Protein backbone atom coordinates (compact mmCIF):
# COMPACT_ATOMS: atom_id res chain seq x y z
CA UNK A 1 49.31 -31.47 42.59
CA UNK A 2 47.14 -33.17 45.22
CA UNK A 3 50.21 -34.58 46.96
CA UNK A 4 51.91 -31.17 47.07
CA UNK A 5 48.70 -29.52 48.29
CA UNK A 6 48.47 -31.93 51.24
CA UNK A 7 52.06 -31.51 52.41
CA UNK A 8 53.24 -28.10 51.18
CA UNK A 9 50.12 -25.94 50.80
CA UNK A 10 48.25 -24.31 47.94
CA UNK A 11 50.89 -21.78 46.83
CA UNK A 12 53.41 -24.37 45.73
CA UNK A 13 50.58 -26.47 44.30
CA UNK A 14 50.11 -23.96 41.48
CA UNK A 15 53.84 -23.98 40.75
CA UNK A 16 54.09 -27.77 40.59
CA UNK A 17 50.93 -27.89 38.46
CA UNK A 18 52.36 -25.41 35.96
CA UNK A 19 55.67 -27.30 35.75
CA UNK A 20 53.97 -30.68 35.51
CA UNK A 21 51.63 -29.75 32.67
CA UNK A 22 54.39 -27.82 30.90
CA UNK A 23 56.62 -30.90 31.06
CA UNK A 24 53.84 -33.25 29.94
CA UNK A 25 53.12 -31.01 26.96
CA UNK A 26 56.82 -30.70 26.20
CA UNK A 27 57.31 -34.46 26.37
CA UNK A 28 54.54 -34.91 23.81
CA UNK A 29 56.33 -32.42 21.53
CA UNK A 30 59.56 -34.37 21.96
CA UNK A 31 57.76 -37.59 21.03
CA UNK A 32 56.48 -35.96 17.84
CA UNK A 33 60.02 -34.92 16.89
CA UNK A 34 61.47 -38.31 17.81
CA UNK A 35 58.91 -40.23 15.76
CA UNK A 36 59.69 -38.19 12.66
CA UNK A 37 63.43 -38.73 13.12
CA UNK A 38 62.91 -42.51 13.41
CA UNK A 39 60.75 -42.72 10.30
CA UNK A 40 63.31 -40.63 8.45
CA UNK A 41 66.03 -42.98 9.74
CA UNK A 42 64.20 -45.99 8.28
CA UNK A 43 64.00 -44.30 4.88
CA UNK A 44 67.67 -43.25 5.02
CA UNK A 45 68.78 -46.73 6.09
CA UNK A 46 67.09 -48.29 3.08
CA UNK A 47 68.45 -45.54 0.82
CA UNK A 48 72.04 -46.06 2.04
CA UNK A 49 71.65 -49.80 1.55
CA UNK A 50 70.56 -49.34 -2.07
CA UNK A 51 72.60 -46.28 -3.12
CA UNK A 52 75.70 -46.53 -0.93
CA UNK A 53 76.81 -44.76 2.25
CA UNK A 54 77.80 -41.56 0.43
CA UNK A 55 74.40 -41.05 -1.19
CA UNK A 56 72.60 -37.79 -0.15
CA UNK A 57 69.45 -39.61 1.10
CA UNK A 58 67.75 -36.52 2.52
CA UNK A 59 64.18 -36.62 3.80
CA UNK A 60 61.99 -34.05 5.49
CA UNK A 61 60.16 -34.31 8.83
CA UNK A 62 56.90 -32.38 8.49
CA UNK A 63 54.85 -35.06 6.72
CA UNK A 64 55.76 -37.73 9.26
CA UNK A 65 54.99 -35.44 12.18
CA UNK A 66 51.58 -34.72 10.69
CA UNK A 67 50.90 -38.45 10.18
CA UNK A 68 51.89 -39.08 13.80
CA UNK A 69 49.51 -36.31 14.85
CA UNK A 70 46.64 -37.94 12.93
CA UNK A 71 47.33 -41.25 14.70
CA UNK A 72 47.34 -39.49 18.07
CA UNK A 73 44.03 -37.75 17.38
CA UNK A 74 42.49 -41.19 16.86
CA UNK A 75 44.30 -42.61 19.93
CA UNK A 76 42.99 -39.70 22.00
CA UNK A 77 39.54 -41.29 21.93
CA UNK A 78 40.87 -43.60 24.67
CA UNK A 79 38.94 -42.30 27.72
CA UNK A 80 41.69 -42.26 30.36
CA UNK A 81 44.70 -44.05 31.87
CA UNK A 82 42.47 -46.80 33.27
CA UNK A 83 41.89 -48.03 29.70
CA UNK A 84 45.52 -48.04 28.58
CA UNK A 85 46.89 -51.30 30.00
CA UNK A 86 47.45 -52.92 26.57
CA UNK A 87 48.96 -49.75 25.08
CA UNK A 88 51.32 -49.45 28.04
CA UNK A 89 52.47 -53.06 27.80
CA UNK A 90 53.19 -52.78 24.07
CA UNK A 91 55.09 -49.51 24.62
CA UNK A 92 57.20 -51.08 27.37
CA UNK A 93 58.06 -54.12 25.24
CA UNK A 94 59.07 -51.90 22.32
CA UNK A 95 61.26 -49.78 24.62
CA UNK A 96 63.01 -52.89 25.95
CA UNK A 97 63.55 -54.18 22.40
CA UNK A 98 65.11 -51.07 20.84
CA UNK A 99 67.23 -50.39 23.94
CA UNK A 100 68.65 -53.91 23.67
CA UNK A 101 69.39 -53.43 19.96
CA UNK A 102 71.03 -50.06 20.58
CA UNK A 103 73.18 -51.54 23.33
CA UNK A 104 74.25 -54.46 21.16
CA UNK A 105 75.17 -52.23 18.21
CA UNK A 106 77.08 -49.87 20.49
CA UNK A 107 79.13 -52.73 21.91
CA UNK A 108 80.07 -53.97 18.44
CA UNK A 109 81.06 -50.51 17.14
CA UNK A 110 83.68 -48.80 19.29
CA UNK A 111 85.69 -46.14 17.46
CA UNK A 112 85.54 -42.74 19.21
CA UNK A 113 85.61 -39.23 17.75
CA UNK A 114 87.30 -36.21 19.29
CA UNK A 115 85.60 -32.85 19.90
CA UNK A 116 86.78 -29.81 17.95
CA UNK A 117 87.61 -27.79 21.09
CA UNK A 118 87.45 -27.83 24.87
CA UNK A 119 84.53 -25.38 24.77
CA UNK A 120 82.57 -27.66 22.45
CA UNK A 121 83.26 -30.58 24.76
CA UNK A 122 81.97 -28.56 27.75
CA UNK A 123 78.74 -27.58 25.99
CA UNK A 124 78.17 -31.19 24.97
CA UNK A 125 78.68 -32.34 28.56
CA UNK A 126 76.09 -29.80 29.73
CA UNK A 127 73.64 -31.04 27.10
CA UNK A 128 74.32 -34.63 28.10
CA UNK A 129 73.44 -33.85 31.72
CA UNK A 130 70.02 -32.55 30.74
CA UNK A 131 69.48 -35.48 28.33
CA UNK A 132 70.12 -37.85 31.24
CA UNK A 133 67.60 -35.90 33.31
CA UNK A 134 64.99 -36.24 30.54
CA UNK A 135 65.53 -40.00 30.50
CA UNK A 136 63.58 -40.25 33.77
CA UNK A 137 60.34 -38.33 33.14
CA UNK A 138 58.22 -40.92 34.93
CA UNK A 139 58.15 -38.83 38.12
CA UNK A 140 55.64 -36.40 36.62
CA UNK A 141 53.04 -39.13 35.99
CA UNK A 142 53.85 -41.56 38.82
CA UNK A 143 50.94 -40.41 41.06
CA UNK A 144 48.49 -40.63 38.14
CA UNK A 145 49.62 -44.18 37.35
CA UNK A 146 49.44 -45.13 41.03
CA UNK A 147 45.85 -43.87 41.05
CA UNK A 148 44.92 -46.52 38.46
CA UNK A 149 46.07 -49.43 40.66
CA UNK A 150 43.70 -51.69 42.53
CA UNK A 151 44.05 -52.57 46.20
CA UNK A 152 44.91 -54.78 48.05
CA UNK A 153 47.88 -54.71 48.22
CA UNK A 154 48.01 -50.99 48.90
CA UNK A 155 48.78 -48.77 45.92
CA UNK A 156 51.88 -47.23 47.45
CA UNK A 157 53.46 -50.65 48.16
CA UNK A 158 52.77 -51.86 44.62
CA UNK A 159 54.10 -48.62 43.11
CA UNK A 160 57.21 -48.65 45.27
CA UNK A 161 58.09 -52.17 44.15
CA UNK A 162 57.32 -51.38 40.50
CA UNK A 163 59.38 -48.17 40.65
CA UNK A 164 62.42 -49.93 42.10
CA UNK A 165 62.34 -52.59 39.38
CA UNK A 166 61.75 -50.02 36.62
CA UNK A 167 64.50 -47.68 37.83
CA UNK A 168 67.01 -50.54 38.01
CA UNK A 169 66.21 -51.81 34.50
CA UNK A 170 66.09 -48.40 32.81
CA UNK A 171 69.26 -47.21 34.55
CA UNK A 172 71.11 -50.32 33.41
CA UNK A 173 70.01 -49.97 29.79
CA UNK A 174 70.34 -46.17 29.55
CA UNK A 175 73.77 -46.16 31.18
CA UNK A 176 75.04 -48.98 28.96
CA UNK A 177 73.57 -47.40 25.79
CA UNK A 178 75.04 -44.02 26.72
CA UNK A 179 78.51 -45.38 27.52
CA UNK A 180 78.81 -47.70 24.54
CA UNK A 181 77.20 -45.11 22.27
CA UNK A 182 79.85 -42.60 23.30
CA UNK A 183 82.57 -45.23 22.92
CA UNK A 184 81.30 -45.87 19.40
CA UNK A 185 80.78 -42.30 18.17
CA UNK A 186 82.55 -40.00 20.62
CA UNK A 187 81.35 -36.41 20.51
CA UNK A 188 79.42 -37.15 17.32
CA UNK A 189 77.04 -39.42 19.24
CA UNK A 190 73.50 -38.58 18.05
CA UNK A 191 70.68 -37.86 20.46
CA UNK A 192 68.88 -40.87 19.04
CA UNK A 193 71.56 -43.54 18.87
CA UNK A 194 69.73 -45.48 16.15
CA UNK A 195 69.35 -42.54 13.76
CA UNK A 196 72.95 -41.28 13.67
CA UNK A 197 74.15 -43.68 10.95
CA UNK A 198 77.34 -44.77 12.44
CA UNK A 199 75.24 -47.94 12.08
CA UNK A 200 74.54 -48.93 8.45
CA UNK A 201 74.29 -52.70 8.47
CA UNK A 202 72.38 -54.85 8.91
CA UNK A 203 69.98 -52.23 7.61
CA UNK A 204 66.88 -54.33 8.31
CA UNK A 205 67.93 -54.54 11.98
CA UNK A 206 68.18 -50.74 12.17
CA UNK A 207 64.77 -50.45 10.51
CA UNK A 208 63.25 -52.86 13.03
CA UNK A 209 64.73 -50.97 15.98
CA UNK A 210 63.40 -47.63 14.72
CA UNK A 211 59.99 -49.17 14.06
CA UNK A 212 59.99 -50.32 17.71
CA UNK A 213 60.72 -46.75 18.78
CA UNK A 214 57.80 -45.46 16.71
CA UNK A 215 55.41 -48.01 18.26
CA UNK A 216 56.72 -47.14 21.72
CA UNK A 217 56.17 -43.43 21.14
CA UNK A 218 52.64 -43.91 19.83
CA UNK A 219 51.69 -45.43 23.18
CA UNK A 220 54.02 -43.24 25.22
CA UNK A 221 52.47 -40.05 23.83
CA UNK A 222 49.09 -41.11 25.22
CA UNK A 223 50.55 -41.94 28.63
CA UNK A 224 51.84 -38.36 28.92
CA UNK A 225 48.85 -36.54 27.48
CA UNK A 226 46.12 -38.41 29.36
CA UNK A 227 46.78 -36.60 32.69
CA UNK A 228 46.23 -33.29 30.89
CA UNK A 229 43.08 -34.58 29.21
CA UNK A 230 41.68 -35.79 32.52
CA UNK A 231 42.53 -32.58 34.37
CA UNK A 232 40.82 -30.45 31.72
CA UNK A 233 37.79 -32.77 31.68
CA UNK A 234 37.37 -32.54 35.47
CA UNK A 235 37.81 -28.76 35.52
CA UNK A 236 35.29 -28.14 32.75
CA UNK A 237 32.75 -30.53 34.29
CA UNK A 238 32.94 -28.60 37.57
CA UNK A 239 32.87 -25.24 35.81
CA UNK A 240 30.02 -26.06 33.40
CA UNK A 241 27.93 -28.81 35.04
CA UNK A 242 24.86 -28.07 32.89
CA UNK A 243 26.60 -27.86 29.52
CA UNK A 244 25.66 -30.61 27.08
CA UNK A 245 28.71 -29.77 24.99
CA UNK A 246 30.95 -30.66 27.96
CA UNK A 247 29.02 -33.43 29.67
CA UNK A 248 26.86 -35.26 27.12
CA UNK A 249 28.17 -38.48 25.58
CA UNK A 250 26.91 -40.00 22.35
CA UNK A 251 27.08 -43.76 21.93
CA UNK A 252 28.48 -45.02 18.65
CA UNK A 253 27.57 -48.45 17.30
CA UNK A 254 30.51 -49.04 14.96
CA UNK A 255 32.92 -49.11 16.69
CA UNK A 256 31.21 -49.39 20.09
CA UNK A 257 32.36 -46.45 22.18
CA UNK A 258 31.10 -43.12 23.52
CA UNK A 259 31.85 -39.75 21.95
CA UNK A 260 31.92 -36.38 23.68
CA UNK A 261 32.07 -33.20 21.56
CA UNK A 262 34.21 -31.28 24.05
CA UNK A 263 36.76 -34.09 24.21
CA UNK A 264 36.94 -34.27 20.43
CA UNK A 265 37.59 -30.52 20.16
CA UNK A 266 40.05 -30.16 23.03
CA UNK A 267 42.04 -33.31 22.42
CA UNK A 268 42.32 -32.61 18.70
CA UNK A 269 43.51 -29.07 19.46
CA UNK A 270 46.05 -30.41 21.94
CA UNK A 271 47.53 -32.88 19.42
CA UNK A 272 47.64 -30.16 16.76
CA UNK A 273 49.52 -27.87 19.17
CA UNK A 274 52.19 -30.46 19.97
CA UNK A 275 52.55 -31.38 16.30
CA UNK A 276 52.83 -27.74 15.25
CA UNK A 277 55.47 -26.97 17.88
CA UNK A 278 57.35 -30.13 16.91
CA UNK A 279 57.48 -28.92 13.30
CA UNK A 280 58.70 -25.52 14.54
CA UNK A 281 61.46 -26.92 16.80
CA UNK A 282 63.25 -29.72 14.99
CA UNK A 283 66.31 -29.87 17.23
CA UNK A 284 65.86 -33.26 18.85
CA UNK A 285 68.75 -33.41 21.32
CA UNK A 286 68.54 -29.77 22.41
CA UNK A 287 64.75 -29.80 22.88
CA UNK A 288 64.99 -32.93 25.02
CA UNK A 289 67.74 -31.26 27.00
CA UNK A 290 65.67 -28.16 27.74
CA UNK A 291 62.70 -30.28 28.83
CA UNK A 292 64.89 -32.45 31.02
CA UNK A 293 66.53 -29.46 32.65
CA UNK A 294 63.24 -27.69 33.36
CA UNK A 295 61.53 -30.70 34.90
CA UNK A 296 64.32 -32.62 36.62
CA UNK A 297 65.15 -30.63 39.75
CA UNK A 298 61.75 -29.21 40.71
CA UNK A 299 59.59 -32.25 39.92
CA UNK A 300 61.92 -35.19 40.54
CA UNK A 301 63.99 -33.75 43.40
CA UNK A 302 62.81 -30.55 45.10
CA UNK A 303 59.11 -31.25 45.69
CA UNK A 304 59.57 -34.94 46.67
CA UNK A 305 62.35 -34.01 49.12
CA UNK A 306 60.31 -31.18 50.66
CA UNK A 307 57.26 -33.44 51.01
CA UNK A 308 59.43 -36.10 52.61
CA UNK A 309 60.62 -33.57 55.22
CA UNK A 310 57.04 -32.78 56.17
CA UNK A 311 55.75 -36.35 56.05
CA UNK A 312 58.58 -37.80 58.18
CA UNK A 313 58.93 -34.68 60.35
CA UNK A 314 62.66 -34.36 59.63
CA UNK A 315 64.29 -31.86 62.00
CA UNK A 316 66.20 -28.93 60.55
CA UNK A 317 70.01 -29.35 60.59
CA UNK A 318 69.76 -33.04 61.36
CA UNK A 319 72.15 -35.34 59.51
CA UNK A 320 69.40 -36.56 57.14
CA UNK A 321 68.26 -32.99 56.50
CA UNK A 322 71.77 -31.80 55.63
CA UNK A 323 72.45 -34.75 53.32
CA UNK A 324 69.16 -34.28 51.44
CA UNK A 325 69.69 -30.52 51.13
CA UNK A 326 73.15 -31.08 49.65
CA UNK A 327 71.72 -33.70 47.31
CA UNK A 328 68.99 -31.29 46.20
CA UNK A 329 71.50 -28.48 45.62
CA UNK A 330 73.77 -30.71 43.50
CA UNK A 331 70.77 -31.70 41.38
CA UNK A 332 69.85 -28.02 41.06
CA UNK A 333 73.31 -27.32 39.63
CA UNK A 334 72.84 -30.18 37.16
CA UNK A 335 69.58 -28.57 36.05
CA UNK A 336 71.19 -25.13 35.63
CA UNK A 337 74.18 -26.41 33.65
CA UNK A 338 71.97 -28.65 31.53
CA UNK A 339 69.59 -25.81 30.72
CA UNK A 340 72.46 -23.52 29.73
CA UNK A 341 74.03 -26.17 27.50
CA UNK A 342 70.74 -27.07 25.80
CA UNK A 343 69.78 -23.45 25.15
CA UNK A 344 73.24 -22.84 23.69
CA UNK A 345 72.71 -25.87 21.45
CA UNK A 346 69.34 -24.57 20.20
CA UNK A 347 70.81 -21.14 19.47
CA UNK A 348 73.77 -22.61 17.57
CA UNK A 349 71.51 -24.99 15.62
CA UNK A 350 69.09 -22.16 14.78
CA UNK A 351 71.88 -19.86 13.58
CA UNK A 352 73.53 -22.57 11.48
CA UNK A 353 70.28 -23.69 9.80
């Protein structure tokens, strides 16, 4: 929001703020849903191993979402992003591990399944576009992460280098997982490659991969909710500077940390809201698609491009201006098609449930 305010003015600041916080909240909901699907996958994997691949092995989601919510309420006592280095490192390692496992399993299982009709194929392509867009949600928290860096070297140089490395690695893994996953399962490819049960054996390997996802999401949830926590904290401190409820901290001896009543109430309410909405919307792939479509073009493309025009003083109708405008428009079409496909998927899933 601060970056947009500097380059594009206050009006568009409110729009980017709304979209950013909406996407952060939505990402937390998606993490709740994903965690439950992974825990369920572990239970099903063990069930199939013991009872056979044709066994019913059905498990619910609500309990596991609630357990994840309890864990996040406790994790929300972490003050801010500055105190999350260890959590972030563990989450990154877990992400690397399960992506590698998913890639390896996809390579070893290449069968392919045809879609029932051309229309179904088209809707699945639209959903896939928005899923790809959701795979890069880092843009909505990049400035907040950059703000935690120490200088020298300058924060923007460090972040630029880190972003280039991260984009290269994640693109390689996501593209390979997507391609080999599709080669393995065709149009039946699940949103979470490790929970679709084209993979049955070795069951312990599947369990390990899903456990890595759960550990990654426990840390990842905090990365995406901390900017909201900090924004609300700052706003309330400015609005109510004399309120003890908002500003007073109580020091605890065991364990040694400070407690603030306002933070306890707000952060608990926030986790409950994401958990409740996750229980309400159980459609993993479609929910991710909607979130990806909503956030991709405005936050990852439109605002950065517009700020770049102002910062570099790009002349209208110059070659660079035309190329970037075309690029932005193409990405806008991806967002529109992805949103349509994901909404169609939610409607179909809701009607068939």
